Amino acid sequence: MYEEELAFANFLADAAGEIALSYFRGEFDVKIKADRTPVTEADVAIESMIRARVRERFPGDAVLGEEFGLEGDSERLWIVDPIDGTKNFADGIQIWANLIAFTVAGEPVVGVANAPVLGERYEAARDGGARLNGAPIRVSPADRISRASVLHAELPDWLDGPYGEPLAELLREARRERGFGDFWGHALVARGSADVMFEPALATWDFAALWVIVEESGGRITTFEGKPLEDGGSVLTTNGTLHDEIVARLVHGAAAR
C-alpha cells in the first residue's frame, strides 16, 4: 500500500540529497529566522524543488514545509523538512537528513529520511515495514532500562523543566547514554542500535517521517505523556518494550515536582 507515494518520496530524496551535497562544506549563506533557528540556501532550494515536483506529480495534494508553510488544502499532505539538522549542516557535521513524509487525513503513512553523507536512507510505508538502504530493520529486544542505550537531544532544553529529574534518573540507570539529536537518534532506535530517544520539542516536519519509520520497525513514538505527537510537543521514541515504563516514570516524576 502507498507504493507509488513511497517511490515518489525516494525520488524526491534523491534530488534533495544532490542539492544538499552541492552546498555541504562549501560556501553558502546562513540566515537566522524569527524563531532563532538557522536557514541556508540549501534548505530553500530543496523545499522549492520538492514543492514544484509535488505540483507536477500530484497537483491536488497539499504541502507543508519548514521554510514556506502550508500550501494547498487536501487530505493528502506532503510534509517536508529540507534539512533536518541545519546547524550540523552549516557547521560541516555530517549528521543531517532530508525528511519527507506523506499523510492521509492526518495519519503519516510514508516516511523517508535521507542522510547522504552518512550513506543511510531510512524508508517506510504503513503496513509495509521499515528499511535501511533496502534492508529490513527492527527495534532492539532490550527489556530493562539497565540494558538500554538511551539517547537525548541538548540537555539544557529539559534539565530545568518538569521532566528534568526523571530524565536524569533514567540516564543514570541506563547501560549507556549519548547525545544524538535530530533525526539520527530516532533512526538509531528504529534500526535497533539504541533503545530510547528523548526530544523536548519538535515541529511536525521534524517527526512526521520518523513516526512511520519507527512504528514500522516495531517501535513506539509518542509524547512524554504517552499521547499522539503534536506540533511543538515532546517526542519519546522507544523499542516499544520499554515505552510504558518510561512514560509512567516521566509522568510520575513531573507530577511530584
C-alpha atoms as a PDB file:
ATOM      1  CA  MET A   1       0.000   0.000   0.000  1.00  0.00           C
ATOM      2  CA  TYR A   2       1.217   3.511  -0.824  1.00  0.00           C
ATOM      3  CA  GLU A   3       3.946   2.052  -3.027  1.00  0.00           C
ATOM      4  CA  GLU A   4       3.577   4.866  -5.558  1.00  0.00           C
ATOM      5  CA  GLU A   5       3.911   7.548  -2.882  1.00  0.00           C
ATOM      6  CA  LEU A   6       6.903   5.800  -1.299  1.00  0.00           C
ATOM      7  CA  ALA A   7       8.649   5.561  -4.660  1.00  0.00           C
ATOM      8  CA  PHE A   8       7.971   9.256  -5.251  1.00  0.00           C
ATOM      9  CA  ALA A   9       9.289  10.158  -1.791  1.00  0.00           C
ATOM     10  CA  ASN A  10      12.505   8.286  -2.588  1.00  0.00           C
ATOM     11  CA  PHE A  11      12.710  10.115  -5.915  1.00  0.00           C
ATOM     12  CA  LEU A  12      12.389  13.417  -4.048  1.00  0.00           C
ATOM     13  CA  ALA A  13      15.029  12.288  -1.543  1.00  0.00           C
ATOM     14  CA  ASP A  14      17.467  11.530  -4.365  1.00  0.00           C
ATOM     15  CA  ALA A  15      17.036  15.022  -5.771  1.00  0.00           C
ATOM     16  CA  ALA A  16      17.146  16.647  -2.331  1.00  0.00           C
ATOM     17  CA  GLY A  17      20.365  14.841  -1.483  1.00  0.00           C
ATOM     18  CA  GLU A  18      22.019  16.020  -4.685  1.00  0.00           C
ATOM     19  CA  ILE A  19      21.129  19.625  -3.956  1.00  0.00           C
ATOM     20  CA  ALA A  20      22.265  19.405  -0.343  1.00  0.00           C
ATOM     21  CA  LEU A  21      25.601  17.812  -1.232  1.00  0.00           C
ATOM     22  CA  SER A  22      26.290  20.541  -3.769  1.00  0.00           C
ATOM     23  CA  TYR A  23      26.306  23.019  -0.852  1.00  0.00           C
ATOM     24  CA  PHE A  24      27.650  20.927   2.025  1.00  0.00           C
ATOM     25  CA  ARG A  25      31.073  22.015   3.286  1.00  0.00           C
ATOM     26  CA  GLY A  26      31.090  24.763   0.682  1.00  0.00           C
ATOM     27  CA  GLU A  27      30.299  28.437   0.955  1.00  0.00           C
ATOM     28  CA  PHE A  28      26.653  29.412   1.366  1.00  0.00           C
ATOM     29  CA  ASP A  29      24.531  31.974   3.149  1.00  0.00           C
ATOM     30  CA  VAL A  30      23.105  31.175   6.586  1.00  0.00           C
ATOM     31  CA  LYS A  31      20.304  33.358   7.911  1.00  0.00           C
ATOM     32  CA  ILE A  32      18.610  33.367  11.306  1.00  0.00           C
ATOM     33  CA  LYS A  33      14.816  33.151  11.226  1.00  0.00           C
ATOM     34  CA  ALA A  34      12.406  34.805  13.639  1.00  0.00           C
ATOM     35  CA  ASP A  35      12.376  31.667  15.815  1.00  0.00           C
ATOM     36  CA  ARG A  36      16.188  31.941  16.116  1.00  0.00           C
ATOM     37  CA  THR A  37      16.828  28.801  14.055  1.00  0.00           C
ATOM     38  CA  PRO A  38      19.130  28.894  11.014  1.00  0.00           C
ATOM     39  CA  VAL A  39      18.148  28.508   7.382  1.00  0.00           C
ATOM     40  CA  THR A  40      20.554  28.033   4.488  1.00  0.00           C
ATOM     41  CA  GLU A  41      20.368  28.409   0.721  1.00  0.00           C
ATOM     42  CA  ALA A  42      20.212  24.619   0.551  1.00  0.00           C
ATOM     43  CA  ASP A  43      17.065  24.471   2.743  1.00  0.00           C
ATOM     44  CA  VAL A  44      15.272  26.937   0.485  1.00  0.00           C
ATOM     45  CA  ALA A  45      16.428  25.289  -2.750  1.00  0.00           C
ATOM     46  CA  ILE A  46      15.388  21.790  -1.625  1.00  0.00           C
ATOM     47  CA  GLU A  47      11.952  22.762  -0.362  1.00  0.00           C
ATOM     48  CA  SER A  48      11.271  24.806  -3.511  1.00  0.00           C
ATOM     49  CA  MET A  49      12.226  21.809  -5.660  1.00  0.00           C
ATOM     50  CA  ILE A  50      10.008  19.416  -3.702  1.00  0.00           C
ATOM     51  CA  ARG A  51       7.009  21.731  -3.885  1.00  0.00           C
ATOM     52  CA  ALA A  52       7.427  22.041  -7.648  1.00  0.00           C
ATOM     53  CA  ARG A  53       7.741  18.259  -8.107  1.00  0.00           C
ATOM     54  CA  VAL A  54       4.648  17.572  -5.985  1.00  0.00           C
ATOM     55  CA  ARG A  55       2.644  20.075  -8.044  1.00  0.00           C
ATOM     56  CA  GLU A  56       3.709  18.245 -11.201  1.00  0.00           C
ATOM     57  CA  ARG A  57       3.072  14.686  -9.974  1.00  0.00           C
ATOM     58  CA  PHE A  58       0.157  15.125  -7.550  1.00  0.00           C
ATOM     59  CA  PRO A  59      -1.348  18.533  -8.322  1.00  0.00           C
ATOM     60  CA  GLY A  60      -4.238  18.082  -5.899  1.00  0.00           C
ATOM     61  CA  ASP A  61      -2.019  17.318  -2.903  1.00  0.00           C
ATOM     62  CA  ALA A  62      -1.064  19.848  -0.219  1.00  0.00           C
ATOM     63  CA  VAL A  63       2.478  20.507   1.027  1.00  0.00           C
ATOM     64  CA  LEU A  64       3.663  21.584   4.481  1.00  0.00           C
ATOM     65  CA  GLY A  65       7.299  22.582   4.804  1.00  0.00           C
ATOM     66  CA  GLU A  66       9.541  24.203   7.364  1.00  0.00           C
ATOM     67  CA  GLU A  67      10.546  27.113   5.176  1.00  0.00           C
ATOM     68  CA  PHE A  68       7.328  28.078   3.347  1.00  0.00           C
ATOM     69  CA  GLY A  69       4.492  26.732   5.488  1.00  0.00           C
ATOM     70  CA  LEU A  70       1.298  25.166   4.168  1.00  0.00           C
ATOM     71  CA  GLU A  71       0.318  25.220   0.507  1.00  0.00           C
ATOM     72  CA  GLY A  72      -3.000  23.709  -0.629  1.00  0.00           C
ATOM     73  CA  ASP A  73      -5.950  22.105   1.125  1.00  0.00           C
ATOM     74  CA  SER A  74      -6.249  18.339   0.831  1.00  0.00           C
ATOM     75  CA  GLU A  75      -6.462  15.200   2.950  1.00  0.00           C
ATOM     76  CA  ARG A  76      -3.318  14.139   1.080  1.00  0.00           C
ATOM     77  CA  LEU A  77      -0.431  16.115   2.547  1.00  0.00           C
ATOM     78  CA  TRP A  78       3.325  16.003   1.940  1.00  0.00           C
ATOM     79  CA  ILE A  79       5.417  17.184   4.897  1.00  0.00           C
ATOM     80  CA  VAL A  80       8.986  18.321   4.293  1.00  0.00           C
ATOM     81  CA  ASP A  81      11.991  19.215   6.396  1.00  0.00           C
ATOM     82  CA  PRO A  82      14.503  20.023   3.645  1.00  0.00           C
ATOM     83  CA  ILE A  83      17.466  19.668   6.001  1.00  0.00           C
ATOM     84  CA  ASP A  84      16.843  18.261   9.450  1.00  0.00           C
ATOM     85  CA  GLY A  85      19.943  19.239  11.385  1.00  0.00           C
ATOM     86  CA  THR A  86      20.614  22.576   9.701  1.00  0.00           C
ATOM     87  CA  LYS A  87      23.014  23.607  12.473  1.00  0.00           C
ATOM     88  CA  ASN A  88      25.073  20.474  11.819  1.00  0.00           C
ATOM     89  CA  PHE A  89      24.895  21.111   8.075  1.00  0.00           C
ATOM     90  CA  ALA A  90      26.100  24.698   8.477  1.00  0.00           C
ATOM     91  CA  ASP A  91      28.942  23.582  10.771  1.00  0.00           C
ATOM     92  CA  GLY A  92      30.131  20.866   8.370  1.00  0.00           C
ATOM     93  CA  ILE A  93      28.931  17.988  10.588  1.00  0.00           C
ATOM     94  CA  GLN A  94      27.574  15.055   8.583  1.00  0.00           C
ATOM     95  CA  ILE A  95      24.576  14.182  10.779  1.00  0.00           C
ATOM     96  CA  TRP A  96      21.678  15.755   8.863  1.00  0.00           C
ATOM     97  CA  ALA A  97      18.931  14.449   6.610  1.00  0.00           C
ATOM     98  CA  ASN A  98      16.213  15.296   4.132  1.00  0.00           C
ATOM     99  CA  LEU A  99      12.901  14.303   5.758  1.00  0.00           C
ATOM    100  CA  ILE A 100       9.878  13.605   3.561  1.00  0.00           C
ATOM    101  CA  ALA A 101       6.542  12.335   4.857  1.00  0.00           C
ATOM    102  CA  PHE A 102       3.176  11.701   3.271  1.00  0.00           C
ATOM    103  CA  THR A 103      -0.006  11.760   5.335  1.00  0.00           C
ATOM    104  CA  VAL A 104      -3.641  10.933   4.609  1.00  0.00           C
ATOM    105  CA  ALA A 105      -6.320  12.545   6.771  1.00  0.00           C
ATOM    106  CA  GLY A 106      -3.687  13.415   9.351  1.00  0.00           C
ATOM    107  CA  GLU A 107      -2.118   9.942   9.564  1.00  0.00           C
ATOM    108  CA  PRO A 108       1.517   9.597   8.466  1.00  0.00           C
ATOM    109  CA  VAL A 109       1.671   6.667   6.024  1.00  0.00           C
ATOM    110  CA  VAL A 110       5.004   7.165   4.226  1.00  0.00           C
ATOM    111  CA  GLY A 111       8.312   8.334   5.660  1.00  0.00           C
ATOM    112  CA  VAL A 112      11.781   8.770   4.175  1.00  0.00           C
ATOM    113  CA  ALA A 113      14.877  10.047   5.992  1.00  0.00           C
ATOM    114  CA  ASN A 114      17.788  10.535   3.615  1.00  0.00           C
ATOM    115  CA  ALA A 115      21.253  11.078   5.109  1.00  0.00           C
ATOM    116  CA  PRO A 116      23.529  11.197   2.061  1.00  0.00           C
ATOM    117  CA  VAL A 117      26.834  11.958   3.807  1.00  0.00           C
ATOM    118  CA  LEU A 118      26.273   9.038   6.181  1.00  0.00           C
ATOM    119  CA  GLY A 119      25.210   6.859   3.249  1.00  0.00           C
ATOM    120  CA  GLU A 120      21.933   5.999   5.004  1.00  0.00           C
ATOM    121  CA  ARG A 121      18.382   6.002   3.621  1.00  0.00           C
ATOM    122  CA  TYR A 122      15.587   5.055   6.023  1.00  0.00           C
ATOM    123  CA  GLU A 123      12.170   4.433   4.483  1.00  0.00           C
ATOM    124  CA  ALA A 124       8.802   3.000   5.446  1.00  0.00           C
ATOM    125  CA  ALA A 125       5.212   2.761   4.252  1.00  0.00           C
ATOM    126  CA  ARG A 126       2.330   1.908   6.565  1.00  0.00           C
ATOM    127  CA  ASP A 127       1.961  -1.877   6.934  1.00  0.00           C
ATOM    128  CA  GLY A 128       4.989  -2.424   4.709  1.00  0.00           C
ATOM    129  CA  GLY A 129       7.814  -2.498   7.241  1.00  0.00           C
ATOM    130  CA  ALA A 130      10.854  -0.222   7.561  1.00  0.00           C
ATOM    131  CA  ARG A 131      14.171  -0.451   5.742  1.00  0.00           C
ATOM    132  CA  LEU A 132      17.678   0.983   5.858  1.00  0.00           C
ATOM    133  CA  ASN A 133      19.318   1.064   2.441  1.00  0.00           C
ATOM    134  CA  GLY A 134      16.799  -1.513   1.259  1.00  0.00           C
ATOM    135  CA  ALA A 135      17.307  -3.994   4.112  1.00  0.00           C
ATOM    136  CA  PRO A 136      14.595  -4.548   6.764  1.00  0.00           C
ATOM    137  CA  ILE A 137      15.240  -3.018  10.176  1.00  0.00           C
ATOM    138  CA  ARG A 138      13.826  -3.895  13.574  1.00  0.00           C
ATOM    139  CA  VAL A 139      13.995  -2.385  17.051  1.00  0.00           C
ATOM    140  CA  SER A 140      16.024  -3.997  19.833  1.00  0.00           C
ATOM    141  CA  PRO A 141      14.722  -6.544  22.369  1.00  0.00           C
ATOM    142  CA  ALA A 142      16.029  -4.625  25.419  1.00  0.00           C
ATOM    143  CA  ASP A 143      13.576  -5.122  28.284  1.00  0.00           C
ATOM    144  CA  ARG A 144      15.170  -3.120  31.105  1.00  0.00           C
ATOM    145  CA  ILE A 145      16.491   0.413  31.385  1.00  0.00           C
ATOM    146  CA  SER A 146      19.712  -1.015  32.795  1.00  0.00           C
ATOM    147  CA  ARG A 147      20.186  -2.842  29.479  1.00  0.00           C
ATOM    148  CA  ALA A 148      19.225   0.134  27.323  1.00  0.00           C
ATOM    149  CA  SER A 149      21.171   2.667  25.310  1.00  0.00           C
ATOM    150  CA  VAL A 150      19.398   5.987  25.881  1.00  0.00           C
ATOM    151  CA  LEU A 151      19.812   8.955  23.555  1.00  0.00           C
ATOM    152  CA  HIS A 152      18.801  12.568  24.034  1.00  0.00           C
ATOM    153  CA  ALA A 153      18.907  15.979  22.403  1.00  0.00           C
ATOM    154  CA  GLU A 154      20.506  19.053  24.005  1.00  0.00           C
ATOM    155  CA  LEU A 155      20.378  18.671  27.785  1.00  0.00           C
ATOM    156  CA  PRO A 156      19.690  22.363  28.637  1.00  0.00           C
ATOM    157  CA  ASP A 157      16.374  22.067  26.783  1.00  0.00           C
ATOM    158  CA  TRP A 158      14.856  19.910  29.512  1.00  0.00           C
ATOM    159  CA  LEU A 159      17.084  19.687  32.601  1.00  0.00           C
ATOM    160  CA  ASP A 160      15.370  22.650  34.267  1.00  0.00           C
ATOM    161  CA  GLY A 161      11.846  21.603  33.267  1.00  0.00           C
ATOM    162  CA  PRO A 162       9.333  19.302  34.956  1.00  0.00           C
ATOM    163  CA  TYR A 163      10.864  16.208  33.384  1.00  0.00           C
ATOM    164  CA  GLY A 164      14.432  17.064  34.358  1.00  0.00           C
ATOM    165  CA  GLU A 165      14.745  14.809  37.394  1.00  0.00           C
ATOM    166  CA  PRO A 166      13.012  11.679  35.995  1.00  0.00           C
ATOM    167  CA  LEU A 167      15.011  12.007  32.770  1.00  0.00           C
ATOM    168  CA  ALA A 168      18.245  12.374  34.727  1.00  0.00           C
ATOM    169  CA  GLU A 169      17.370   9.252  36.733  1.00  0.00           C
ATOM    170  CA  LEU A 170      16.746   7.288  33.538  1.00  0.00           C
ATOM    171  CA  LEU A 171      20.083   8.423  32.102  1.00  0.00           C
ATOM    172  CA  ARG A 172      21.927   7.392  35.268  1.00  0.00           C
ATOM    173  CA  GLU A 173      20.257   3.979  35.247  1.00  0.00           C
ATOM    174  CA  ALA A 174      20.827   3.268  31.539  1.00  0.00           C
ATOM    175  CA  ARG A 175      23.564   0.975  30.289  1.00  0.00           C
ATOM    176  CA  ARG A 176      24.768   3.818  28.071  1.00  0.00           C
ATOM    177  CA  GLU A 177      23.684   7.388  27.284  1.00  0.00           C
ATOM    178  CA  ARG A 178      24.683   9.662  24.431  1.00  0.00           C
ATOM    179  CA  GLY A 179      23.556  12.918  22.880  1.00  0.00           C
ATOM    180  CA  PHE A 180      22.455  12.260  19.295  1.00  0.00           C
ATOM    181  CA  GLY A 181      19.971  14.941  18.321  1.00  0.00           C
ATOM    182  CA  ASP A 182      17.826  15.480  15.260  1.00  0.00           C
ATOM    183  CA  PHE A 183      16.606  12.584  13.098  1.00  0.00           C
ATOM    184  CA  TRP A 184      19.501  10.227  13.819  1.00  0.00           C
ATOM    185  CA  GLY A 185      18.634   9.367  17.404  1.00  0.00           C
ATOM    186  CA  HIS A 186      15.178   8.175  16.382  1.00  0.00           C
ATOM    187  CA  ALA A 187      16.614   6.300  13.402  1.00  0.00           C
ATOM    188  CA  LEU A 188      19.107   4.521  15.655  1.00  0.00           C
ATOM    189  CA  VAL A 189      16.227   3.283  17.810  1.00  0.00           C
ATOM    190  CA  ALA A 190      14.322   2.145  14.713  1.00  0.00           C
ATOM    191  CA  ARG A 191      17.257   0.060  13.497  1.00  0.00           C
ATOM    192  CA  GLY A 192      17.972  -1.462  16.909  1.00  0.00           C
ATOM    193  CA  SER A 193      21.263   0.324  17.597  1.00  0.00           C
ATOM    194  CA  ALA A 194      19.741   2.253  20.526  1.00  0.00           C
ATOM    195  CA  ASP A 195      16.653   1.735  22.659  1.00  0.00           C
ATOM    196  CA  VAL A 196      15.290   5.136  23.726  1.00  0.00           C
ATOM    197  CA  MET A 197      15.393   8.691  22.340  1.00  0.00           C
ATOM    198  CA  PHE A 198      14.146  11.842  24.095  1.00  0.00           C
ATOM    199  CA  GLU A 199      13.326  15.171  22.409  1.00  0.00           C
ATOM    200  CA  PRO A 200      11.760  18.014  24.453  1.00  0.00           C
ATOM    201  CA  ALA A 201      10.023  19.673  21.490  1.00  0.00           C
ATOM    202  CA  LEU A 202       9.735  19.013  17.752  1.00  0.00           C
ATOM    203  CA  ALA A 203       7.748  20.532  14.900  1.00  0.00           C
ATOM    204  CA  THR A 204       5.542  18.396  12.665  1.00  0.00           C
ATOM    205  CA  TRP A 205       8.119  18.355   9.845  1.00  0.00           C
ATOM    206  CA  ASP A 206      10.748  17.090  12.316  1.00  0.00           C
ATOM    207  CA  PHE A 207       8.824  13.975  13.344  1.00  0.00           C
ATOM    208  CA  ALA A 208       6.298  13.072  10.599  1.00  0.00           C
ATOM    209  CA  ALA A 209       8.646  10.895   8.518  1.00  0.00           C
ATOM    210  CA  LEU A 210      10.234   9.348  11.607  1.00  0.00           C
ATOM    211  CA  TRP A 211       6.806   8.435  13.006  1.00  0.00           C
ATOM    212  CA  VAL A 212       6.215   5.950  10.199  1.00  0.00           C
ATOM    213  CA  ILE A 213       9.761   4.585  10.234  1.00  0.00           C
ATOM    214  CA  VAL A 214       9.767   3.989  13.993  1.00  0.00           C
ATOM    215  CA  GLU A 215       6.358   2.319  14.124  1.00  0.00           C
ATOM    216  CA  GLU A 216       7.027   0.145  11.074  1.00  0.00           C
ATOM    217  CA  SER A 217      10.250  -1.067  12.705  1.00  0.00           C
ATOM    218  CA  GLY A 218       8.254  -2.234  15.722  1.00  0.00           C
ATOM    219  CA  GLY A 219       8.911   0.750  17.971  1.00  0.00           C
ATOM    220  CA  ARG A 220       6.659   3.327  19.591  1.00  0.00           C
ATOM    221  CA  ILE A 221       6.739   7.103  19.322  1.00  0.00           C
ATOM    222  CA  THR A 222       4.574   9.401  21.467  1.00  0.00           C
ATOM    223  CA  THR A 223       4.816  12.492  23.640  1.00  0.00           C
ATOM    224  CA  PHE A 224       6.412  12.120  27.063  1.00  0.00           C
ATOM    225  CA  GLU A 225       2.885  11.639  28.397  1.00  0.00           C
ATOM    226  CA  GLY A 226       2.190   8.754  26.012  1.00  0.00           C
ATOM    227  CA  LYS A 227      -0.150  10.809  23.805  1.00  0.00           C
ATOM    228  CA  PRO A 228      -0.126  11.148  19.995  1.00  0.00           C
ATOM    229  CA  LEU A 229       2.526  13.505  18.663  1.00  0.00           C
ATOM    230  CA  GLU A 230       1.602  17.129  18.130  1.00  0.00           C
ATOM    231  CA  ASP A 231       3.359  20.127  16.620  1.00  0.00           C
ATOM    232  CA  GLY A 232       5.775  21.637  19.135  1.00  0.00           C
ATOM    233  CA  GLY A 233       5.310  18.829  21.647  1.00  0.00           C
ATOM    234  CA  SER A 234       7.760  16.411  23.231  1.00  0.00           C
ATOM    235  CA  VAL A 235       8.793  13.192  21.478  1.00  0.00           C
ATOM    236  CA  LEU A 236       9.676   9.873  23.074  1.00  0.00           C
ATOM    237  CA  THR A 237      10.861   7.079  20.787  1.00  0.00           C
ATOM    238  CA  THR A 238      11.486   3.594  22.186  1.00  0.00           C
ATOM    239  CA  ASN A 239      11.782  -0.017  21.148  1.00  0.00           C
ATOM    240  CA  GLY A 240       8.187  -0.463  22.377  1.00  0.00           C
ATOM    241  CA  THR A 241       9.019  -2.842  25.207  1.00  0.00           C
ATOM    242  CA  LEU A 242      10.284  -0.021  27.442  1.00  0.00           C
ATOM    243  CA  HIS A 243       7.721   2.566  26.444  1.00  0.00           C
ATOM    244  CA  ASP A 244       5.016   2.234  29.094  1.00  0.00           C
ATOM    245  CA  GLU A 245       7.527   2.096  31.952  1.00  0.00           C
ATOM    246  CA  ILE A 246       9.311   5.227  30.743  1.00  0.00           C
ATOM    247  CA  VAL A 247       6.074   7.167  30.244  1.00  0.00           C
ATOM    248  CA  ALA A 248       4.924   6.204  33.747  1.00  0.00           C
ATOM    249  CA  ARG A 249       8.204   7.322  35.279  1.00  0.00           C
ATOM    250  CA  LEU A 250       8.187  10.622  33.397  1.00  0.00           C
ATOM    251  CA  VAL A 251       4.598  11.429  34.312  1.00  0.00           C
ATOM    252  CA  HIS A 252       5.061  10.424  37.944  1.00  0.00           C
ATOM    253  CA  GLY A 253       8.310  12.377  38.235  1.00  0.00           C
ATOM    254  CA  ALA A 254       6.819  15.506  36.678  1.00  0.00           C
ATOM    255  CA  ALA A 255       3.772  15.330  38.959  1.00  0.00           C
ATOM    256  CA  ALA A 256       5.995  15.084  42.013  1.00  0.00           C
ATOM    257  CA  ARG A 257       7.748  18.398  41.321  1.00  0.00           C
END
